[in-house]
Amino acid sequence: MQAPQRHSRARSAFEYLFDPDSIAVIGASNDPVKPGGRLFKTIQAHDYDGALWPVNPGAELIMG
Protein backbone atom coordinates (compact mmCIF):
# COMPACT_ATOMS: atom_id res chain seq x y z
CA MET A 1 0.00 0.00 0.00
CA GLN A 2 1.39 3.41 -0.95
CA ALA A 3 1.55 6.36 1.44
CA PRO A 4 -0.79 9.24 0.62
CA GLN A 5 0.72 12.00 -1.53
CA ARG A 6 0.12 14.69 1.09
CA HIS A 7 2.86 13.22 3.32
CA SER A 8 5.52 13.69 0.64
CA ARG A 9 4.25 17.24 -0.05
CA ALA A 10 4.45 18.13 3.66
CA ARG A 11 8.03 16.89 3.81
CA SER A 12 8.87 18.90 0.72
CA ALA A 13 7.29 22.01 2.27
CA PHE A 14 9.47 21.59 5.36
CA GLU A 15 12.55 21.25 3.20
CA TYR A 16 11.72 24.53 1.50
CA LEU A 17 11.17 26.17 4.87
CA PHE A 18 14.31 24.93 6.63
CA ASP A 19 16.69 24.74 3.65
CA PRO A 20 15.67 27.58 1.30
CA ASP A 21 17.44 28.40 -1.96
CA SER A 22 17.14 32.11 -1.19
CA ILE A 23 16.19 34.46 1.64
CA ALA A 24 14.74 37.97 1.38
CA VAL A 25 15.32 40.15 4.45
CA ILE A 26 12.48 42.66 4.51
CA GLY A 27 13.64 45.86 6.21
CA ALA A 28 17.33 45.10 5.83
CA SER A 29 19.49 47.92 7.17
CA ASN A 30 23.08 49.12 7.07
CA ASP A 31 22.87 49.61 10.83
CA PRO A 32 23.84 46.30 12.52
CA VAL A 33 22.07 47.41 15.72
CA LYS A 34 18.66 47.55 14.02
CA PRO A 35 16.80 44.22 13.71
CA GLY A 36 16.96 44.16 9.88
CA GLY A 37 20.67 44.93 9.90
CA ARG A 38 21.40 42.40 12.62
CA LEU A 39 19.51 39.63 10.80
CA PHE A 40 21.18 40.41 7.47
CA LYS A 41 24.66 40.49 9.03
CA THR A 42 24.05 37.25 10.95
CA ILE A 43 22.98 35.40 7.80
CA GLN A 44 26.07 36.69 5.97
CA ALA A 45 28.37 35.76 8.86
CA HIS A 46 27.14 32.15 8.91
CA ASP A 47 28.08 31.57 5.26
CA TYR A 48 24.58 30.99 3.90
CA ASP A 49 25.21 29.63 0.41
CA GLY A 50 21.89 30.62 -1.18
CA ALA A 51 20.85 33.96 -2.65
CA LEU A 52 20.43 36.67 -0.02
CA TRP A 53 18.16 39.57 -0.99
CA PRO A 54 18.10 42.71 1.18
CA VAL A 55 14.83 44.60 0.76
CA ASN A 56 14.73 48.26 1.75
CA PRO A 57 13.25 50.80 -0.68
CA GLY A 58 15.05 53.64 1.14
CA ALA A 59 18.56 52.28 0.56
CA GLU A 60 20.50 51.74 -2.64
CA LEU A 61 23.07 49.39 -1.08
CA ILE A 62 22.93 47.23 2.06
CA MET A 63 26.22 46.15 3.69
CA GLY A 64 28.13 46.02 0.43
PDB file of N, CA and C in Angstrom:
ATOM      1  N   MET A   1       0.838  -1.181   0.000  1.00  0.00           N
ATOM      2  CA  MET A   1       0.000   0.000   0.000  1.00  0.00           C
ATOM      3  C   MET A   1       0.885   1.246   0.000  1.00  0.00           C
ATOM      4  N   GLN A   2       0.595   2.188  -0.857  1.00  0.00           N
ATOM      5  CA  GLN A   2       1.390   3.414  -0.948  1.00  0.00           C
ATOM      6  C   GLN A   2       0.919   4.454   0.060  1.00  0.00           C
ATOM      7  N   ALA A   3       1.888   5.253   0.533  1.00  0.00           N
ATOM      8  CA  ALA A   3       1.546   6.357   1.442  1.00  0.00           C
ATOM      9  C   ALA A   3       0.814   7.442   0.663  1.00  0.00           C
ATOM     10  N   PRO A   4      -0.090   8.141   1.294  1.00  0.00           N
ATOM     11  CA  PRO A   4      -0.791   9.240   0.619  1.00  0.00           C
ATOM     12  C   PRO A   4       0.189  10.315   0.148  1.00  0.00           C
ATOM     13  N   GLN A   5      -0.123  10.962  -0.953  1.00  0.00           N
ATOM     14  CA  GLN A   5       0.722  12.004  -1.530  1.00  0.00           C
ATOM     15  C   GLN A   5       0.943  13.175  -0.587  1.00  0.00           C
ATOM     16  N   ARG A   6      -0.019  13.514   0.244  1.00  0.00           N
ATOM     17  CA  ARG A   6       0.117  14.693   1.089  1.00  0.00           C
ATOM     18  C   ARG A   6       1.306  14.591   2.044  1.00  0.00           C
ATOM     19  N   HIS A   7       1.709  13.379   2.434  1.00  0.00           N
ATOM     20  CA  HIS A   7       2.861  13.217   3.321  1.00  0.00           C
ATOM     21  C   HIS A   7       4.143  13.658   2.624  1.00  0.00           C
ATOM     22  N   SER A   8       4.309  13.286   1.361  1.00  0.00           N
ATOM     23  CA  SER A   8       5.518  13.694   0.642  1.00  0.00           C
ATOM     24  C   SER A   8       5.510  15.198   0.384  1.00  0.00           C
ATOM     25  N   ARG A   9       4.333  15.792   0.147  1.00  0.00           N
ATOM     26  CA  ARG A   9       4.247  17.239  -0.046  1.00  0.00           C
ATOM     27  C   ARG A   9       4.602  17.980   1.236  1.00  0.00           C
ATOM     28  N   ALA A  10       4.147  17.477   2.387  1.00  0.00           N
ATOM     29  CA  ALA A  10       4.453  18.127   3.661  1.00  0.00           C
ATOM     30  C   ALA A  10       5.954  18.087   3.916  1.00  0.00           C
ATOM     31  N   ARG A  11       6.584  16.997   3.632  1.00  0.00           N
ATOM     32  CA  ARG A  11       8.029  16.886   3.810  1.00  0.00           C
ATOM     33  C   ARG A  11       8.743  17.870   2.893  1.00  0.00           C
ATOM     34  N   SER A  12       8.278  17.968   1.670  1.00  0.00           N
ATOM     35  CA  SER A  12       8.873  18.905   0.722  1.00  0.00           C
ATOM     36  C   SER A  12       8.688  20.351   1.199  1.00  0.00           C
ATOM     37  N   ALA A  13       7.538  20.660   1.757  1.00  0.00           N
ATOM     38  CA  ALA A  13       7.294  22.009   2.267  1.00  0.00           C
ATOM     39  C   ALA A  13       8.252  22.337   3.409  1.00  0.00           C
ATOM     40  N   PHE A  14       8.517  21.372   4.272  1.00  0.00           N
ATOM     41  CA  PHE A  14       9.466  21.594   5.364  1.00  0.00           C
ATOM     42  C   PHE A  14      10.878  21.795   4.825  1.00  0.00           C
ATOM     43  N   GLU A  15      11.231  21.070   3.797  1.00  0.00           N
ATOM     44  CA  GLU A  15      12.549  21.249   3.196  1.00  0.00           C
ATOM     45  C   GLU A  15      12.696  22.661   2.652  1.00  0.00           C
ATOM     46  N   TYR A  16      11.676  23.160   2.004  1.00  0.00           N
ATOM     47  CA  TYR A  16      11.715  24.532   1.496  1.00  0.00           C
ATOM     48  C   TYR A  16      11.823  25.539   2.642  1.00  0.00           C
ATOM     49  N   LEU A  17      11.167  25.259   3.738  1.00  0.00           N
ATOM     50  CA  LEU A  17      11.168  26.172   4.867  1.00  0.00           C
ATOM     51  C   LEU A  17      12.509  26.187   5.592  1.00  0.00           C
ATOM     52  N   PHE A  18      13.093  25.016   5.826  1.00  0.00           N
ATOM     53  CA  PHE A  18      14.309  24.925   6.629  1.00  0.00           C
ATOM     54  C   PHE A  18      15.604  24.897   5.821  1.00  0.00           C
ATOM     55  N   ASP A  19      15.504  24.728   4.509  1.00  0.00           N
ATOM     56  CA  ASP A  19      16.690  24.736   3.652  1.00  0.00           C
ATOM     57  C   ASP A  19      16.363  25.496   2.369  1.00  0.00           C
ATOM     58  N   PRO A  20      16.100  26.812   2.474  1.00  0.00           N
ATOM     59  CA  PRO A  20      15.669  27.580   1.304  1.00  0.00           C
ATOM     60  C   PRO A  20      16.820  27.845   0.338  1.00  0.00           C
ATOM     61  N   ASP A  21      16.455  28.044  -0.934  1.00  0.00           N
ATOM     62  CA  ASP A  21      17.437  28.404  -1.957  1.00  0.00           C
ATOM     63  C   ASP A  21      17.791  29.881  -1.882  1.00  0.00           C
ATOM     64  N   SER A  22      16.889  30.675  -1.323  1.00  0.00           N
ATOM     65  CA  SER A  22      17.137  32.110  -1.188  1.00  0.00           C
ATOM     66  C   SER A  22      16.359  32.652   0.006  1.00  0.00           C
ATOM     67  N   ILE A  23      16.841  33.791   0.512  1.00  0.00           N
ATOM     68  CA  ILE A  23      16.192  34.459   1.641  1.00  0.00           C
ATOM     69  C   ILE A  23      16.100  35.946   1.324  1.00  0.00           C
ATOM     70  N   ALA A  24      14.931  36.528   1.505  1.00  0.00           N
ATOM     71  CA  ALA A  24      14.744  37.970   1.384  1.00  0.00           C
ATOM     72  C   ALA A  24      14.595  38.526   2.798  1.00  0.00           C
ATOM     73  N   VAL A  25      15.407  39.512   3.131  1.00  0.00           N
ATOM     74  CA  VAL A  25      15.324  40.148   4.447  1.00  0.00           C
ATOM     75  C   VAL A  25      14.581  41.468   4.250  1.00  0.00           C
ATOM     76  N   ILE A  26      13.311  41.477   4.644  1.00  0.00           N
ATOM     77  CA  ILE A  26      12.478  42.665   4.508  1.00  0.00           C
ATOM     78  C   ILE A  26      12.865  43.647   5.610  1.00  0.00           C
ATOM     79  N   GLY A  27      13.209  44.864   5.231  1.00  0.00           N
ATOM     80  CA  GLY A  27      13.635  45.865   6.207  1.00  0.00           C
ATOM     81  C   GLY A  27      15.111  45.780   6.528  1.00  0.00           C
ATOM     82  N   ALA A  28      15.889  45.184   5.620  1.00  0.00           N
ATOM     83  CA  ALA A  28      17.333  45.099   5.827  1.00  0.00           C
ATOM     84  C   ALA A  28      17.896  46.505   6.015  1.00  0.00           C
ATOM     85  N   SER A  29      18.933  46.611   6.824  1.00  0.00           N
ATOM     86  CA  SER A  29      19.486  47.915   7.167  1.00  0.00           C
ATOM     87  C   SER A  29      21.002  47.862   7.176  1.00  0.00           C
ATOM     88  N   ASN A  30      21.627  49.005   6.952  1.00  0.00           N
ATOM     89  CA  ASN A  30      23.080  49.115   7.075  1.00  0.00           C
ATOM     90  C   ASN A  30      23.514  49.216   8.531  1.00  0.00           C
ATOM     91  N   ASP A  31      22.577  49.465   9.402  1.00  0.00           N
ATOM     92  CA  ASP A  31      22.869  49.609  10.834  1.00  0.00           C
ATOM     93  C   ASP A  31      22.756  48.240  11.513  1.00  0.00           C
ATOM     94  N   PRO A  32      23.887  47.637  11.924  1.00  0.00           N
ATOM     95  CA  PRO A  32      23.839  46.304  12.517  1.00  0.00           C
ATOM     96  C   PRO A  32      23.161  46.242  13.880  1.00  0.00           C
ATOM     97  N   VAL A  33      22.787  47.388  14.442  1.00  0.00           N
ATOM     98  CA  VAL A  33      22.073  47.407  15.716  1.00  0.00           C
ATOM     99  C   VAL A  33      20.565  47.247  15.503  1.00  0.00           C
ATOM    100  N   LYS A  34      20.083  47.690  14.345  1.00  0.00           N
ATOM    101  CA  LYS A  34      18.665  47.545  14.024  1.00  0.00           C
ATOM    102  C   LYS A  34      18.363  46.086  13.686  1.00  0.00           C
ATOM    103  N   PRO A  35      17.131  45.638  13.954  1.00  0.00           N
ATOM    104  CA  PRO A  35      16.797  44.223  13.706  1.00  0.00           C
ATOM    105  C   PRO A  35      17.078  43.756  12.274  1.00  0.00           C
ATOM    106  N   GLY A  36      16.717  44.551  11.267  1.00  0.00           N
ATOM    107  CA  GLY A  36      16.960  44.165   9.880  1.00  0.00           C
ATOM    108  C   GLY A  36      18.435  44.090   9.548  1.00  0.00           C
ATOM    109  N   GLY A  37      19.230  44.952  10.111  1.00  0.00           N
ATOM    110  CA  GLY A  37      20.672  44.930   9.903  1.00  0.00           C
ATOM    111  C   GLY A  37      21.321  43.769  10.629  1.00  0.00           C
ATOM    112  N   ARG A  38      20.852  43.505  11.827  1.00  0.00           N
ATOM    113  CA  ARG A  38      21.401  42.402  12.624  1.00  0.00           C
ATOM    114  C   ARG A  38      21.115  41.059  11.947  1.00  0.00           C
ATOM    115  N   LEU A  39      19.881  40.879  11.479  1.00  0.00           N
ATOM    116  CA  LEU A  39      19.511  39.634  10.803  1.00  0.00           C
ATOM    117  C   LEU A  39      20.329  39.438   9.530  1.00  0.00           C
ATOM    118  N   PHE A  40      20.434  40.495   8.722  1.00  0.00           N
ATOM    119  CA  PHE A  40      21.184  40.409   7.469  1.00  0.00           C
ATOM    120  C   PHE A  40      22.648  40.063   7.735  1.00  0.00           C
ATOM    121  N   LYS A  41      23.249  40.728   8.698  1.00  0.00           N
ATOM    122  CA  LYS A  41      24.658  40.494   9.030  1.00  0.00           C
ATOM    123  C   LYS A  41      24.866  39.070   9.577  1.00  0.00           C
ATOM    124  N   THR A  42      23.938  38.597  10.384  1.00  0.00           N
ATOM    125  CA  THR A  42      24.045  37.248  10.945  1.00  0.00           C
ATOM    126  C   THR A  42      23.984  36.193   9.846  1.00  0.00           C
ATOM    127  N   ILE A  43      23.080  36.362   8.903  1.00  0.00           N
ATOM    128  CA  ILE A  43      22.978  35.404   7.795  1.00  0.00           C
ATOM    129  C   ILE A  43      24.268  35.413   6.981  1.00  0.00           C
ATOM    130  N   GLN A  44      24.798  36.593   6.702  1.00  0.00           N
ATOM    131  CA  GLN A  44      26.065  36.688   5.969  1.00  0.00           C
ATOM    132  C   GLN A  44      27.207  36.029   6.745  1.00  0.00           C
ATOM    133  N   ALA A  45      27.274  36.256   8.039  1.00  0.00           N
ATOM    134  CA  ALA A  45      28.368  35.755   8.864  1.00  0.00           C
ATOM    135  C   ALA A  45      28.375  34.225   8.974  1.00  0.00           C
ATOM    136  N   HIS A  46      27.222  33.611   8.783  1.00  0.00           N
ATOM    137  CA  HIS A  46      27.143  32.155   8.906  1.00  0.00           C
ATOM    138  C   HIS A  46      27.224  31.461   7.551  1.00  0.00           C
ATOM    139  N   ASP A  47      27.780  32.144   6.573  1.00  0.00           N
ATOM    140  CA  ASP A  47      28.084  31.566   5.257  1.00  0.00           C
ATOM    141  C   ASP A  47      26.901  30.872   4.595  1.00  0.00           C
ATOM    142  N   TYR A  48      25.740  31.514   4.630  1.00  0.00           N
ATOM    143  CA  TYR A  48      24.579  30.990   3.903  1.00  0.00           C
ATOM    144  C   TYR A  48      24.953  30.926   2.428  1.00  0.00           C
ATOM    145  N   ASP A  49      24.749  29.785   1.785  1.00  0.00           N
ATOM    146  CA  ASP A  49      25.208  29.626   0.409  1.00  0.00           C
ATOM    147  C   ASP A  49      24.136  29.883  -0.643  1.00  0.00           C
ATOM    148  N   GLY A  50      22.938  30.283  -0.233  1.00  0.00           N
ATOM    149  CA  GLY A  50      21.891  30.618  -1.184  1.00  0.00           C
ATOM    150  C   GLY A  50      21.930  32.106  -1.514  1.00  0.00           C
ATOM    151  N   ALA A  51      20.968  32.542  -2.307  1.00  0.00           N
ATOM    152  CA  ALA A  51      20.850  33.959  -2.654  1.00  0.00           C
ATOM    153  C   ALA A  51      20.269  34.718  -1.463  1.00  0.00           C
ATOM    154  N   LEU A  52      20.876  35.837  -1.136  1.00  0.00           N
ATOM    155  CA  LEU A  52      20.427  36.671  -0.020  1.00  0.00           C
ATOM    156  C   LEU A  52      20.001  38.021  -0.577  1.00  0.00           C
ATOM    157  N   TRP A  53      18.734  38.355  -0.404  1.00  0.00           N
ATOM    158  CA  TRP A  53      18.163  39.568  -0.986  1.00  0.00           C
ATOM    159  C   TRP A  53      17.772  40.561   0.098  1.00  0.00           C
ATOM    160  N   PRO A  54      18.513  41.666   0.250  1.00  0.00           N
ATOM    161  CA  PRO A  54      18.097  42.715   1.180  1.00  0.00           C
ATOM    162  C   PRO A  54      16.993  43.558   0.545  1.00  0.00           C
ATOM    163  N   VAL A  55      15.938  43.812   1.279  1.00  0.00           N
ATOM    164  CA  VAL A  55      14.825  44.599   0.757  1.00  0.00           C
ATOM    165  C   VAL A  55      14.641  45.830   1.634  1.00  0.00           C
ATOM    166  N   ASN A  56      14.929  47.000   1.069  1.00  0.00           N
ATOM    167  CA  ASN A  56      14.730  48.257   1.750  1.00  0.00           C
ATOM    168  C   ASN A  56      14.638  49.343   0.677  1.00  0.00           C
ATOM    169  N   PRO A  57      13.423  49.822   0.399  1.00  0.00           N
ATOM    170  CA  PRO A  57      13.249  50.797  -0.678  1.00  0.00           C
ATOM    171  C   PRO A  57      13.972  52.132  -0.414  1.00  0.00           C
ATOM    172  N   GLY A  58      14.386  52.392   0.818  1.00  0.00           N
ATOM    173  CA  GLY A  58      15.053  53.642   1.139  1.00  0.00           C
ATOM    174  C   GLY A  58      16.568  53.577   1.028  1.00  0.00           C
ATOM    175  N   ALA A  59      17.104  52.428   0.645  1.00  0.00           N
ATOM    176  CA  ALA A  59      18.564  52.285   0.562  1.00  0.00           C
ATOM    177  C   ALA A  59      18.940  51.714  -0.803  1.00  0.00           C
ATOM    178  N   GLU A  60      20.029  52.244  -1.355  1.00  0.00           N
ATOM    179  CA  GLU A  60      20.505  51.740  -2.636  1.00  0.00           C
ATOM    180  C   GLU A  60      21.398  50.528  -2.451  1.00  0.00           C
ATOM    181  N   LEU A  61      22.130  50.472  -1.331  1.00  0.00           N
ATOM    182  CA  LEU A  61      23.066  49.385  -1.076  1.00  0.00           C
ATOM    183  C   LEU A  61      23.008  49.014   0.397  1.00  0.00           C
ATOM    184  N   ILE A  62      22.970  47.717   0.686  1.00  0.00           N
ATOM    185  CA  ILE A  62      22.931  47.232   2.059  1.00  0.00           C
ATOM    186  C   ILE A  62      24.193  46.406   2.326  1.00  0.00           C
ATOM    187  N   MET A  63      25.011  46.854   3.246  1.00  0.00           N
ATOM    188  CA  MET A  63      26.222  46.152   3.691  1.00  0.00           C
ATOM    189  C   MET A  63      27.061  45.591   2.537  1.00  0.00           C
ATOM    190  N   GLY A  64      27.250  46.400   1.536  1.00  0.00           N
ATOM    191  CA  GLY A  64      28.132  46.021   0.428  1.00  0.00           C
ATOM    192  C   GLY A  64      27.463  45.117  -0.536  1.00  0.00           C
TER     193      GLY A  64
END
